[in-house]
Amino acid sequence: MVEWIVSPGLTGYETAVAEMEARAAAIRAGTADEAVWLLEHPPLYTAGTSADPVDLVDPGRFPVHASQRGGQYTYHGPGQRVAYVMLDVARRGRDVRAFVASLEAWIIATLAEFNVTGERRAGRVGVWVVREDKPLGPDGAPPEDKIAALGIRLRKWVSFHGISINVDPDLEHFSGIVPCGIRQHGVTSLVDLGLPVTMADVDVALRRTFDVVIGPGTAVEA
């Protein structure tokens, strides 16, 4: 079974990491179920294992946390739904690439619940949307903005960290970093795309599509 945990308010990053690591260890020991943890963080930047210091444009703006997840710099803050996934990847096939692809597919399926077409891009981590509502770029193509990020870590084949979807964060907060080291593209959110979507709406979609893409679970409020 996969336990779903929803935390109200804002959860500190270090608190979240400690709880994820403890849950992952318990899953590996067979004393806890797999879990998906839905939360929001206060405004902060995280530096993944591949982060380049030059991509931290405004280091004094928000707290910066070194993270053991893969990837580069990312922003977390109110209005962004973070879904931390503590799942047994050994039981799910011991294929890291396939597991990451399943998380991307989960994001894409969630966005599709709101008639948003999320797409993968080779060489660009995360999920992207084509902005047909914006002027064409120098190459004659419409610009693309990032709407969701992904970064995980495995320890003894149990995952932690996870995904984030921009529901209605302050997009200007992303300007303090080069998100995921990608300078040529911007960021967007569901509300920025003109959709009156709430966090509760996104939670319902995440649960429904997880059951289809990855596997069923049981809802627990915390």
N, C-alpha and C. Protein backbone atom coordinates (compact mmCIF):
# COMPACT_ATOMS: atom_id res chain seq x y z
N MET A 1 0.83 -1.20 0.00
CA MET A 1 0.00 0.00 0.00
C MET A 1 0.87 1.26 0.00
N VAL A 2 0.34 2.31 -0.59
CA VAL A 2 1.01 3.61 -0.59
C VAL A 2 0.17 4.56 0.26
N GLU A 3 0.78 5.08 1.31
CA GLU A 3 0.08 6.02 2.19
C GLU A 3 0.22 7.43 1.65
N TRP A 4 -0.88 8.16 1.61
CA TRP A 4 -0.86 9.55 1.17
C TRP A 4 -0.94 10.45 2.40
N ILE A 5 -0.03 11.39 2.51
CA ILE A 5 0.05 12.31 3.64
C ILE A 5 -0.04 13.73 3.09
N VAL A 6 -0.93 14.53 3.63
CA VAL A 6 -1.07 15.92 3.21
C VAL A 6 -0.81 16.81 4.43
N SER A 7 0.20 17.67 4.32
CA SER A 7 0.55 18.57 5.43
C SER A 7 0.02 19.97 5.14
N PRO A 8 -0.77 20.52 6.04
CA PRO A 8 -1.25 21.90 5.86
C PRO A 8 -0.15 22.90 6.17
N GLY A 9 -0.33 24.14 5.72
CA GLY A 9 0.65 25.17 6.02
C GLY A 9 1.96 24.96 5.28
N LEU A 10 3.03 25.50 5.84
CA LEU A 10 4.35 25.43 5.22
C LEU A 10 5.27 24.54 6.06
N THR A 11 5.97 23.65 5.41
CA THR A 11 6.87 22.71 6.08
C THR A 11 8.31 23.10 5.79
N GLY A 12 9.11 23.26 6.82
CA GLY A 12 10.52 23.60 6.65
C GLY A 12 11.27 22.52 5.89
N TYR A 13 12.25 22.94 5.11
CA TYR A 13 12.95 22.00 4.24
C TYR A 13 13.73 20.96 5.05
N GLU A 14 14.47 21.40 6.05
CA GLU A 14 15.28 20.45 6.82
C GLU A 14 14.40 19.46 7.57
N THR A 15 13.27 19.93 8.07
CA THR A 15 12.31 19.03 8.71
C THR A 15 11.82 17.98 7.73
N ALA A 16 11.51 18.42 6.52
CA ALA A 16 11.01 17.49 5.50
C ALA A 16 12.06 16.44 5.15
N VAL A 17 13.31 16.87 4.98
CA VAL A 17 14.37 15.93 4.63
C VAL A 17 14.54 14.88 5.72
N ALA A 18 14.55 15.32 6.98
CA ALA A 18 14.72 14.38 8.08
C ALA A 18 13.59 13.36 8.11
N GLU A 19 12.38 13.83 7.89
CA GLU A 19 11.24 12.91 7.93
C GLU A 19 11.25 11.97 6.73
N MET A 20 11.65 12.47 5.56
CA MET A 20 11.76 11.60 4.39
C MET A 20 12.79 10.50 4.61
N GLU A 21 13.95 10.88 5.14
CA GLU A 21 15.00 9.90 5.35
C GLU A 21 14.57 8.83 6.36
N ALA A 22 13.88 9.26 7.41
CA ALA A 22 13.41 8.29 8.40
C ALA A 22 12.38 7.35 7.79
N ARG A 23 11.48 7.90 6.98
CA ARG A 23 10.45 7.05 6.36
C ARG A 23 11.07 6.09 5.36
N ALA A 24 12.03 6.58 4.58
CA ALA A 24 12.70 5.71 3.60
C ALA A 24 13.41 4.55 4.30
N ALA A 25 14.06 4.83 5.43
CA ALA A 25 14.74 3.77 6.17
C ALA A 25 13.74 2.76 6.70
N ALA A 26 12.59 3.24 7.16
CA ALA A 26 11.56 2.33 7.68
C ALA A 26 10.97 1.48 6.57
N ILE A 27 10.80 2.06 5.38
CA ILE A 27 10.31 1.28 4.24
C ILE A 27 11.29 0.18 3.90
N ARG A 28 12.56 0.52 3.87
CA ARG A 28 13.58 -0.47 3.55
C ARG A 28 13.62 -1.58 4.60
N ALA A 29 13.37 -1.21 5.87
CA ALA A 29 13.37 -2.20 6.95
C ALA A 29 12.09 -3.02 7.00
N GLY A 30 11.09 -2.61 6.22
CA GLY A 30 9.83 -3.33 6.21
C GLY A 30 8.90 -2.97 7.35
N THR A 31 9.15 -1.82 7.99
CA THR A 31 8.32 -1.41 9.13
C THR A 31 7.37 -0.28 8.80
N ALA A 32 7.35 0.18 7.56
CA ALA A 32 6.43 1.24 7.15
C ALA A 32 6.03 1.02 5.70
N ASP A 33 4.85 1.52 5.35
CA ASP A 33 4.38 1.46 3.97
C ASP A 33 5.07 2.53 3.14
N GLU A 34 5.04 2.35 1.83
CA GLU A 34 5.45 3.42 0.92
C GLU A 34 4.56 4.64 1.17
N ALA A 35 5.07 5.82 0.77
CA ALA A 35 4.30 7.04 1.04
C ALA A 35 4.52 8.08 -0.04
N VAL A 36 3.49 8.88 -0.25
CA VAL A 36 3.57 10.12 -1.03
C VAL A 36 3.16 11.24 -0.09
N TRP A 37 4.02 12.24 0.03
CA TRP A 37 3.82 13.32 0.99
C TRP A 37 3.61 14.62 0.22
N LEU A 38 2.44 15.22 0.34
CA LEU A 38 2.10 16.47 -0.32
C LEU A 38 2.26 17.62 0.65
N LEU A 39 3.02 18.65 0.23
CA LEU A 39 3.27 19.77 1.13
C LEU A 39 3.66 21.01 0.32
N GLU A 40 3.80 22.12 1.04
CA GLU A 40 4.37 23.35 0.51
C GLU A 40 5.51 23.78 1.43
N HIS A 41 6.54 24.38 0.84
CA HIS A 41 7.65 24.91 1.61
C HIS A 41 7.55 26.44 1.70
N PRO A 42 8.18 27.05 2.70
CA PRO A 42 8.39 28.50 2.65
C PRO A 42 9.37 28.81 1.52
N PRO A 43 9.50 30.06 1.09
CA PRO A 43 10.39 30.38 -0.03
C PRO A 43 11.84 29.97 0.27
N LEU A 44 12.42 29.20 -0.64
CA LEU A 44 13.80 28.75 -0.47
C LEU A 44 14.33 28.23 -1.79
N TYR A 45 15.65 28.14 -1.86
CA TYR A 45 16.31 27.52 -3.00
C TYR A 45 17.01 26.25 -2.53
N THR A 46 17.03 25.23 -3.38
CA THR A 46 17.79 24.03 -3.08
C THR A 46 18.82 23.80 -4.18
N ALA A 47 19.97 23.31 -3.77
CA ALA A 47 21.05 23.01 -4.70
C ALA A 47 21.22 21.51 -4.78
N GLY A 48 20.91 20.93 -5.93
CA GLY A 48 21.08 19.50 -6.13
C GLY A 48 22.55 19.14 -6.29
N THR A 49 22.81 17.88 -6.50
CA THR A 49 24.19 17.40 -6.54
C THR A 49 24.97 17.91 -7.75
N SER A 50 24.28 18.42 -8.76
CA SER A 50 24.95 18.95 -9.96
C SER A 50 24.91 20.47 -10.03
N ALA A 51 24.54 21.13 -8.94
CA ALA A 51 24.36 22.59 -8.97
C ALA A 51 25.67 23.31 -9.24
N ASP A 52 25.61 24.32 -10.10
CA ASP A 52 26.74 25.18 -10.43
C ASP A 52 26.56 26.50 -9.67
N PRO A 53 27.52 26.89 -8.83
CA PRO A 53 27.35 28.12 -8.04
C PRO A 53 27.02 29.36 -8.85
N VAL A 54 27.43 29.43 -10.12
CA VAL A 54 27.13 30.62 -10.92
C VAL A 54 25.64 30.74 -11.20
N ASP A 55 24.89 29.65 -11.02
CA ASP A 55 23.44 29.69 -11.26
C ASP A 55 22.66 30.21 -10.07
N LEU A 56 23.35 30.49 -8.97
CA LEU A 56 22.70 31.12 -7.81
C LEU A 56 22.87 32.62 -7.98
N VAL A 57 21.91 33.25 -8.63
CA VAL A 57 22.02 34.65 -9.04
C VAL A 57 21.92 35.60 -7.86
N ASP A 58 21.06 35.28 -6.90
CA ASP A 58 20.81 36.17 -5.75
C ASP A 58 20.91 35.35 -4.47
N PRO A 59 22.13 35.06 -4.00
CA PRO A 59 22.31 34.13 -2.89
C PRO A 59 21.74 34.60 -1.57
N GLY A 60 21.53 35.91 -1.40
CA GLY A 60 21.02 36.40 -0.14
C GLY A 60 19.52 36.55 -0.08
N ARG A 61 18.84 36.15 -1.13
CA ARG A 61 17.40 36.41 -1.21
C ARG A 61 16.58 35.49 -0.31
N PHE A 62 16.79 34.19 -0.45
CA PHE A 62 16.10 33.19 0.35
C PHE A 62 17.13 32.20 0.89
N PRO A 63 16.78 31.44 1.92
CA PRO A 63 17.69 30.39 2.38
C PRO A 63 18.03 29.43 1.25
N VAL A 64 19.28 28.97 1.24
CA VAL A 64 19.75 28.02 0.23
C VAL A 64 20.13 26.72 0.95
N HIS A 65 19.55 25.62 0.52
CA HIS A 65 19.79 24.34 1.16
C HIS A 65 20.50 23.40 0.18
N ALA A 66 21.61 22.84 0.60
CA ALA A 66 22.24 21.78 -0.18
C ALA A 66 21.35 20.54 -0.10
N SER A 67 21.12 19.92 -1.23
CA SER A 67 20.22 18.77 -1.29
C SER A 67 20.93 17.57 -1.87
N GLN A 68 20.57 16.39 -1.39
CA GLN A 68 21.15 15.17 -1.91
C GLN A 68 20.44 14.65 -3.15
N ARG A 69 19.39 15.34 -3.57
CA ARG A 69 18.70 14.90 -4.78
C ARG A 69 19.56 15.20 -6.00
N GLY A 70 19.26 14.53 -7.10
CA GLY A 70 19.92 14.87 -8.35
C GLY A 70 19.44 16.21 -8.88
N GLY A 71 20.21 16.80 -9.79
CA GLY A 71 19.79 18.04 -10.43
C GLY A 71 20.56 19.25 -9.94
N GLN A 72 20.07 20.42 -10.31
CA GLN A 72 20.78 21.66 -10.06
C GLN A 72 19.96 22.53 -9.08
N TYR A 73 19.92 23.85 -9.32
CA TYR A 73 19.17 24.71 -8.41
C TYR A 73 17.68 24.70 -8.76
N THR A 74 16.87 24.72 -7.72
CA THR A 74 15.44 24.87 -7.93
C THR A 74 14.86 25.72 -6.81
N TYR A 75 13.68 26.23 -7.05
CA TYR A 75 12.96 27.04 -6.07
C TYR A 75 11.77 26.27 -5.53
N HIS A 76 11.53 26.42 -4.23
CA HIS A 76 10.29 25.93 -3.63
C HIS A 76 9.66 27.08 -2.86
N GLY A 77 8.35 27.12 -2.85
CA GLY A 77 7.68 28.18 -2.10
C GLY A 77 6.18 28.00 -2.09
N PRO A 78 5.48 28.87 -1.37
CA PRO A 78 4.01 28.79 -1.31
C PRO A 78 3.40 28.85 -2.71
N GLY A 79 2.35 28.08 -2.90
CA GLY A 79 1.70 28.03 -4.21
C GLY A 79 2.27 26.96 -5.12
N GLN A 80 3.28 26.26 -4.66
CA GLN A 80 3.86 25.16 -5.44
C GLN A 80 3.57 23.86 -4.70
N ARG A 81 2.97 22.91 -5.38
CA ARG A 81 2.71 21.61 -4.75
C ARG A 81 3.93 20.72 -4.89
N VAL A 82 4.51 20.37 -3.77
CA VAL A 82 5.62 19.43 -3.72
C VAL A 82 5.05 18.07 -3.36
N ALA A 83 5.46 17.05 -4.09
CA ALA A 83 5.06 15.67 -3.80
C ALA A 83 6.32 14.85 -3.61
N TYR A 84 6.62 14.54 -2.36
CA TYR A 84 7.79 13.70 -2.05
C TYR A 84 7.36 12.24 -2.11
N VAL A 85 8.13 11.45 -2.85
CA VAL A 85 7.76 10.06 -3.09
C VAL A 85 8.77 9.13 -2.40
N MET A 86 8.28 8.39 -1.45
CA MET A 86 9.10 7.40 -0.74
C MET A 86 8.57 6.03 -1.15
N LEU A 87 9.18 5.50 -2.20
CA LEU A 87 8.68 4.30 -2.86
C LEU A 87 9.80 3.27 -2.99
N ASP A 88 9.42 2.00 -2.96
CA ASP A 88 10.36 0.89 -3.07
C ASP A 88 10.62 0.60 -4.55
N VAL A 89 11.72 1.15 -5.04
CA VAL A 89 12.04 1.00 -6.46
C VAL A 89 12.50 -0.42 -6.77
N ALA A 90 13.03 -1.12 -5.78
CA ALA A 90 13.41 -2.53 -6.00
C ALA A 90 12.17 -3.34 -6.33
N ARG A 91 11.11 -3.10 -5.60
CA ARG A 91 9.86 -3.82 -5.86
C ARG A 91 9.23 -3.40 -7.18
N ARG A 92 9.62 -2.22 -7.64
CA ARG A 92 9.03 -1.67 -8.86
C ARG A 92 9.94 -1.86 -10.06
N GLY A 93 10.88 -2.80 -9.99
CA GLY A 93 11.64 -3.19 -11.17
C GLY A 93 13.12 -2.88 -11.17
N ARG A 94 13.62 -2.15 -10.18
CA ARG A 94 15.06 -1.81 -10.09
C ARG A 94 15.57 -1.13 -11.37
N ASP A 95 14.74 -0.32 -11.97
CA ASP A 95 15.12 0.40 -13.19
C ASP A 95 14.93 1.89 -12.90
N VAL A 96 16.04 2.58 -12.64
CA VAL A 96 15.96 3.98 -12.23
C VAL A 96 15.40 4.84 -13.36
N ARG A 97 15.85 4.63 -14.58
CA ARG A 97 15.34 5.43 -15.70
C ARG A 97 13.85 5.23 -15.89
N ALA A 98 13.40 4.01 -15.78
CA ALA A 98 11.97 3.74 -15.93
C ALA A 98 11.19 4.39 -14.79
N PHE A 99 11.77 4.40 -13.60
CA PHE A 99 11.09 5.02 -12.46
C PHE A 99 10.97 6.53 -12.67
N VAL A 100 12.05 7.16 -13.10
CA VAL A 100 12.00 8.60 -13.38
C VAL A 100 10.98 8.89 -14.48
N ALA A 101 10.97 8.05 -15.51
CA ALA A 101 10.00 8.24 -16.60
C ALA A 101 8.57 8.11 -16.09
N SER A 102 8.35 7.22 -15.11
CA SER A 102 7.01 7.06 -14.57
C SER A 102 6.59 8.30 -13.77
N LEU A 103 7.54 8.94 -13.08
CA LEU A 103 7.23 10.18 -12.37
C LEU A 103 6.90 11.30 -13.36
N GLU A 104 7.66 11.38 -14.46
CA GLU A 104 7.33 12.36 -15.49
C GLU A 104 5.95 12.09 -16.07
N ALA A 105 5.65 10.83 -16.32
CA ALA A 105 4.33 10.48 -16.86
C ALA A 105 3.22 10.85 -15.88
N TRP A 106 3.51 10.71 -14.60
CA TRP A 106 2.54 11.09 -13.56
C TRP A 106 2.26 12.59 -13.61
N ILE A 107 3.31 13.39 -13.74
CA ILE A 107 3.12 14.84 -13.86
C ILE A 107 2.30 15.17 -15.09
N ILE A 108 2.67 14.58 -16.22
CA ILE A 108 1.99 14.87 -17.48
C ILE A 108 0.51 14.48 -17.40
N ALA A 109 0.23 13.34 -16.78
CA ALA A 109 -1.17 12.92 -16.63
C ALA A 109 -1.93 13.86 -15.70
N THR A 110 -1.27 14.36 -14.67
CA THR A 110 -1.90 15.30 -13.75
C THR A 110 -2.25 16.59 -14.47
N LEU A 111 -1.31 17.13 -15.27
CA LEU A 111 -1.58 18.35 -16.02
C LEU A 111 -2.70 18.15 -17.02
N ALA A 112 -2.77 16.96 -17.60
CA ALA A 112 -3.82 16.67 -18.57
C ALA A 112 -5.22 16.74 -17.95
N GLU A 113 -5.30 16.53 -16.64
CA GLU A 113 -6.58 16.66 -15.94
C GLU A 113 -7.14 18.09 -16.07
N PHE A 114 -6.25 19.05 -16.35
CA PHE A 114 -6.66 20.45 -16.49
C PHE A 114 -6.50 20.93 -17.94
N ASN A 115 -6.44 19.95 -18.86
CA ASN A 115 -6.30 20.23 -20.29
C ASN A 115 -5.02 21.00 -20.61
N VAL A 116 -3.98 20.73 -19.85
CA VAL A 116 -2.66 21.29 -20.11
C VAL A 116 -1.77 20.18 -20.67
N THR A 117 -1.12 20.45 -21.79
CA THR A 117 -0.25 19.47 -22.42
C THR A 117 1.17 19.65 -21.91
N GLY A 118 1.58 18.80 -21.02
CA GLY A 118 2.95 18.80 -20.54
C GLY A 118 3.81 17.88 -21.41
N GLU A 119 5.05 18.29 -21.65
CA GLU A 119 5.90 17.53 -22.55
C GLU A 119 7.30 17.37 -21.96
N ARG A 120 7.93 16.24 -22.29
CA ARG A 120 9.34 16.04 -21.98
C ARG A 120 10.19 16.69 -23.06
N ARG A 121 11.41 17.05 -22.69
CA ARG A 121 12.37 17.56 -23.65
C ARG A 121 13.73 16.93 -23.39
N ALA A 122 14.34 16.38 -24.41
CA ALA A 122 15.66 15.77 -24.27
C ALA A 122 16.66 16.81 -23.77
N GLY A 123 17.41 16.44 -22.75
CA GLY A 123 18.42 17.35 -22.22
C GLY A 123 17.90 18.38 -21.26
N ARG A 124 16.57 18.38 -21.02
CA ARG A 124 15.97 19.33 -20.08
C ARG A 124 15.12 18.57 -19.08
N VAL A 125 15.55 18.57 -17.83
CA VAL A 125 14.81 17.86 -16.80
C VAL A 125 13.50 18.58 -16.50
N GLY A 126 12.48 17.83 -16.17
CA GLY A 126 11.20 18.43 -15.81
C GLY A 126 10.17 18.28 -16.90
N VAL A 127 9.08 19.00 -16.73
CA VAL A 127 7.96 18.97 -17.68
C VAL A 127 7.70 20.38 -18.18
N TRP A 128 7.45 20.50 -19.47
CA TRP A 128 7.42 21.79 -20.16
C TRP A 128 6.09 21.98 -20.87
N VAL A 129 5.71 23.25 -21.06
CA VAL A 129 4.52 23.57 -21.84
C VAL A 129 4.90 24.54 -22.94
N VAL A 130 4.33 24.32 -24.12
CA VAL A 130 4.54 25.23 -25.25
C VAL A 130 3.60 26.41 -25.09
N ARG A 131 4.14 27.62 -25.17
CA ARG A 131 3.35 28.83 -24.96
C ARG A 131 2.88 29.41 -26.30
N GLU A 132 1.80 28.87 -26.78
CA GLU A 132 1.23 29.36 -28.03
C GLU A 132 0.70 30.79 -27.89
N ASP A 133 0.52 31.25 -26.62
CA ASP A 133 -0.01 32.58 -26.37
C ASP A 133 1.07 33.65 -26.35
N LYS A 134 2.33 33.27 -26.56
CA LYS A 134 3.44 34.22 -26.52
C LYS A 134 4.02 34.40 -27.92
N PRO A 135 4.73 35.52 -28.17
CA PRO A 135 5.35 35.73 -29.47
C PRO A 135 6.36 34.63 -29.80
N LEU A 136 6.51 34.37 -31.08
CA LEU A 136 7.47 33.36 -31.52
C LEU A 136 8.89 33.79 -31.17
N GLY A 137 9.74 32.81 -30.90
CA GLY A 137 11.12 33.08 -30.60
C GLY A 137 11.93 33.36 -31.85
N PRO A 138 13.24 33.63 -31.71
CA PRO A 138 14.11 33.91 -32.86
C PRO A 138 14.16 32.76 -33.86
N ASP A 139 13.90 31.54 -33.38
CA ASP A 139 13.93 30.38 -34.27
C ASP A 139 12.59 30.15 -34.95
N GLY A 140 11.62 31.06 -34.71
CA GLY A 140 10.31 30.93 -35.32
C GLY A 140 9.37 29.98 -34.61
N ALA A 141 9.81 29.46 -33.46
CA ALA A 141 8.98 28.54 -32.69
C ALA A 141 8.43 29.25 -31.46
N PRO A 142 7.27 28.82 -30.96
CA PRO A 142 6.75 29.42 -29.72
C PRO A 142 7.66 29.06 -28.55
N PRO A 143 7.75 29.93 -27.56
CA PRO A 143 8.60 29.63 -26.41
C PRO A 143 8.02 28.50 -25.57
N GLU A 144 8.87 27.92 -24.76
CA GLU A 144 8.46 26.84 -23.86
C GLU A 144 8.84 27.22 -22.42
N ASP A 145 7.92 26.99 -21.50
CA ASP A 145 8.15 27.30 -20.09
C ASP A 145 8.07 26.02 -19.26
N LYS A 146 8.84 26.01 -18.20
CA LYS A 146 8.83 24.86 -17.29
C LYS A 146 7.70 25.02 -16.28
N ILE A 147 6.92 23.97 -16.10
CA ILE A 147 5.81 24.02 -15.16
C ILE A 147 5.99 23.04 -14.00
N ALA A 148 6.90 22.08 -14.15
CA ALA A 148 7.10 21.09 -13.09
C ALA A 148 8.55 20.63 -13.09
N ALA A 149 9.05 20.36 -11.88
CA ALA A 149 10.43 19.91 -11.70
C ALA A 149 10.44 18.52 -11.08
N LEU A 150 11.57 17.86 -11.21
CA LEU A 150 11.72 16.50 -10.71
C LEU A 150 13.15 16.30 -10.24
N GLY A 151 13.31 15.72 -9.08
CA GLY A 151 14.64 15.38 -8.57
C GLY A 151 14.50 14.34 -7.48
N ILE A 152 15.15 13.20 -7.62
CA ILE A 152 15.01 12.14 -6.63
C ILE A 152 16.39 11.65 -6.17
N ARG A 153 16.37 10.92 -5.08
CA ARG A 153 17.54 10.21 -4.60
C ARG A 153 17.08 8.81 -4.19
N LEU A 154 17.95 7.84 -4.42
CA LEU A 154 17.67 6.48 -3.98
C LEU A 154 18.67 6.08 -2.90
N ARG A 155 18.16 5.42 -1.87
CA ARG A 155 19.03 4.84 -0.85
C ARG A 155 18.54 3.42 -0.60
N LYS A 156 19.40 2.48 -0.94
CA LYS A 156 19.04 1.06 -0.83
C LYS A 156 17.72 0.79 -1.56
N TRP A 157 17.60 1.40 -2.73
CA TRP A 157 16.48 1.21 -3.65
C TRP A 157 15.16 1.79 -3.15
N VAL A 158 15.21 2.64 -2.14
CA VAL A 158 14.01 3.38 -1.74
C VAL A 158 14.20 4.84 -2.13
N SER A 159 13.21 5.42 -2.80
CA SER A 159 13.31 6.80 -3.28
C SER A 159 12.89 7.78 -2.20
N PHE A 160 13.46 8.98 -2.28
CA PHE A 160 12.92 10.12 -1.56
C PHE A 160 13.22 11.37 -2.37
N HIS A 161 12.78 12.55 -1.90
CA HIS A 161 12.59 13.74 -2.71
C HIS A 161 11.50 13.42 -3.74
N GLY A 162 11.40 14.12 -4.86
CA GLY A 162 10.28 13.83 -5.75
C GLY A 162 10.02 14.89 -6.79
N ILE A 163 8.78 15.39 -6.84
CA ILE A 163 8.37 16.30 -7.91
C ILE A 163 7.77 17.57 -7.32
N SER A 164 7.68 18.60 -8.15
CA SER A 164 6.95 19.81 -7.77
C SER A 164 6.22 20.35 -8.99
N ILE A 165 5.00 20.82 -8.76
CA ILE A 165 4.17 21.40 -9.82
C ILE A 165 3.82 22.83 -9.41
N ASN A 166 4.04 23.75 -10.32
CA ASN A 166 3.73 25.15 -10.04
C ASN A 166 2.23 25.38 -10.22
N VAL A 167 1.55 25.56 -9.11
CA VAL A 167 0.11 25.84 -9.13
C VAL A 167 -0.10 27.34 -9.21
N ASP A 168 0.35 28.08 -8.20
CA ASP A 168 0.26 29.54 -8.22
C ASP A 168 1.35 30.16 -7.35
N PRO A 169 2.62 29.80 -7.58
CA PRO A 169 3.69 30.44 -6.82
C PRO A 169 3.98 31.83 -7.38
N ASP A 170 4.75 32.61 -6.64
CA ASP A 170 5.25 33.89 -7.15
C ASP A 170 6.38 33.58 -8.13
N LEU A 171 6.10 33.69 -9.42
CA LEU A 171 7.08 33.30 -10.43
C LEU A 171 8.31 34.19 -10.42
N GLU A 172 8.19 35.40 -9.87
CA GLU A 172 9.36 36.27 -9.80
C GLU A 172 10.42 35.70 -8.87
N HIS A 173 10.02 34.86 -7.94
CA HIS A 173 10.97 34.25 -7.00
C HIS A 173 11.98 33.36 -7.71
N PHE A 174 11.62 32.86 -8.89
CA PHE A 174 12.54 32.01 -9.65
C PHE A 174 13.72 32.81 -10.20
N SER A 175 13.62 34.13 -10.23
CA SER A 175 14.67 34.96 -10.83
C SER A 175 15.95 34.98 -10.02
N GLY A 176 15.92 34.48 -8.79
CA GLY A 176 17.14 34.44 -7.98
C GLY A 176 18.06 33.30 -8.31
N ILE A 177 17.63 32.42 -9.21
CA ILE A 177 18.44 31.29 -9.66
C ILE A 177 18.29 31.14 -11.17
N VAL A 178 19.13 30.31 -11.75
CA VAL A 178 18.89 29.80 -13.09
C VAL A 178 18.27 28.43 -12.89
N PRO A 179 16.94 28.31 -13.01
CA PRO A 179 16.29 27.04 -12.65
C PRO A 179 16.85 25.86 -13.46
N CYS A 180 17.37 24.89 -12.73
CA CYS A 180 17.93 23.68 -13.33
C CYS A 180 19.02 23.98 -14.35
N GLY A 181 19.65 25.16 -14.25
CA GLY A 181 20.75 25.52 -15.13
C GLY A 181 20.34 25.87 -16.54
N ILE A 182 19.05 26.09 -16.78
CA ILE A 182 18.55 26.34 -18.13
C ILE A 182 18.19 27.82 -18.26
N ARG A 183 18.95 28.53 -19.09
CA ARG A 183 18.78 29.98 -19.22
C ARG A 183 17.85 30.38 -20.36
N GLN A 184 17.63 29.49 -21.31
CA GLN A 184 16.92 29.88 -22.53
C GLN A 184 15.40 29.84 -22.39
N HIS A 185 14.90 29.34 -21.28
CA HIS A 185 13.46 29.15 -21.14
C HIS A 185 12.99 29.68 -19.79
N GLY A 186 11.69 29.99 -19.72
CA GLY A 186 11.12 30.54 -18.51
C GLY A 186 10.38 29.50 -17.69
N VAL A 187 9.64 30.00 -16.71
CA VAL A 187 8.81 29.14 -15.86
C VAL A 187 7.38 29.66 -15.91
N THR A 188 6.46 28.77 -15.66
CA THR A 188 5.04 29.13 -15.64
C THR A 188 4.34 28.35 -14.55
N SER A 189 3.06 28.58 -14.43
CA SER A 189 2.23 27.87 -13.45
C SER A 189 0.85 27.66 -14.05
N LEU A 190 0.06 26.84 -13.39
CA LEU A 190 -1.30 26.62 -13.88
C LEU A 190 -2.11 27.91 -13.87
N VAL A 191 -1.96 28.70 -12.82
CA VAL A 191 -2.70 29.97 -12.78
C VAL A 191 -2.15 30.95 -13.80
N ASP A 192 -0.83 30.96 -14.01
CA ASP A 192 -0.24 31.82 -15.03
C ASP A 192 -0.77 31.48 -16.42
N LEU A 193 -1.12 30.22 -16.63
CA LEU A 193 -1.70 29.80 -17.91
C LEU A 193 -3.18 30.17 -18.02
N GLY A 194 -3.71 30.81 -16.99
CA GLY A 194 -5.10 31.27 -17.04
C GLY A 194 -6.10 30.30 -16.46
N LEU A 195 -5.62 29.32 -15.70
CA LEU A 195 -6.52 28.31 -15.15
C LEU A 195 -6.79 28.59 -13.67
N PRO A 196 -8.04 28.69 -13.26
CA PRO A 196 -8.37 28.96 -11.85
C PRO A 196 -8.29 27.68 -11.02
N VAL A 197 -7.08 27.13 -10.92
CA VAL A 197 -6.87 25.85 -10.27
C VAL A 197 -6.40 26.07 -8.83
N THR A 198 -6.93 25.30 -7.89
CA THR A 198 -6.51 25.39 -6.50
C THR A 198 -5.58 24.23 -6.15
N MET A 199 -4.91 24.35 -5.00
CA MET A 199 -4.06 23.26 -4.55
C MET A 199 -4.87 22.00 -4.32
N ALA A 200 -6.08 22.15 -3.79
CA ALA A 200 -6.93 20.98 -3.57
C ALA A 200 -7.27 20.29 -4.89
N ASP A 201 -7.50 21.07 -5.95
CA ASP A 201 -7.75 20.48 -7.26
C ASP A 201 -6.57 19.64 -7.73
N VAL A 202 -5.38 20.18 -7.54
CA VAL A 202 -4.17 19.47 -7.97
C VAL A 202 -3.97 18.20 -7.15
N ASP A 203 -4.27 18.27 -5.85
CA ASP A 203 -4.13 17.08 -5.01
C ASP A 203 -5.03 15.95 -5.48
N VAL A 204 -6.27 16.31 -5.82
CA VAL A 204 -7.19 15.29 -6.33
C VAL A 204 -6.65 14.67 -7.62
N ALA A 205 -6.14 15.51 -8.50
CA ALA A 205 -5.60 15.01 -9.78
C ALA A 205 -4.36 14.15 -9.56
N LEU A 206 -3.49 14.56 -8.63
CA LEU A 206 -2.29 13.77 -8.34
C LEU A 206 -2.66 12.38 -7.84
N ARG A 207 -3.63 12.31 -6.96
CA ARG A 207 -4.04 11.01 -6.42
C ARG A 207 -4.65 10.13 -7.50
N ARG A 208 -5.53 10.72 -8.29
CA ARG A 208 -6.22 9.93 -9.32
C ARG A 208 -5.23 9.40 -10.35
N THR A 209 -4.33 10.24 -10.82
CA THR A 209 -3.42 9.82 -11.88
C THR A 209 -2.32 8.92 -11.35
N PHE A 210 -1.93 9.08 -10.08
CA PHE A 210 -0.95 8.16 -9.49
C PHE A 210 -1.48 6.74 -9.53
N ASP A 211 -2.73 6.58 -9.18
CA ASP A 211 -3.33 5.25 -9.18
C ASP A 211 -3.25 4.60 -10.56
N VAL A 212 -3.39 5.41 -11.60
CA VAL A 212 -3.36 4.89 -12.97
C VAL A 212 -1.93 4.65 -13.44
N VAL A 213 -1.04 5.60 -13.19
CA VAL A 213 0.31 5.55 -13.76
C VAL A 213 1.27 4.70 -12.93
N ILE A 214 1.17 4.79 -11.60
CA ILE A 214 2.17 4.15 -10.75
C ILE A 214 1.58 3.06 -9.87
N GLY A 215 0.47 3.32 -9.20
CA GLY A 215 -0.13 2.26 -8.37
C GLY A 215 -1.02 2.85 -7.31
N PRO A 216 -2.00 2.09 -6.82
CA PRO A 216 -2.99 2.63 -5.88
C PRO A 216 -2.42 2.82 -4.48
N GLY A 217 -3.10 3.67 -3.72
CA GLY A 217 -2.72 3.91 -2.34
C GLY A 217 -3.93 4.19 -1.49
N THR A 218 -3.69 4.51 -0.23
CA THR A 218 -4.77 4.85 0.69
C THR A 218 -4.53 6.23 1.25
N ALA A 219 -5.55 7.06 1.33
CA ALA A 219 -5.41 8.46 1.73
C ALA A 219 -5.39 8.58 3.24
N VAL A 220 -4.39 9.32 3.74
CA VAL A 220 -4.30 9.62 5.16
C VAL A 220 -3.98 11.09 5.30
N GLU A 221 -4.75 11.84 6.08
CA GLU A 221 -4.48 13.25 6.31
C GLU A 221 -3.57 13.40 7.53
N ALA A 222 -2.58 14.27 7.43
CA ALA A 222 -1.66 14.51 8.55
C ALA A 222 -1.39 15.98 8.69
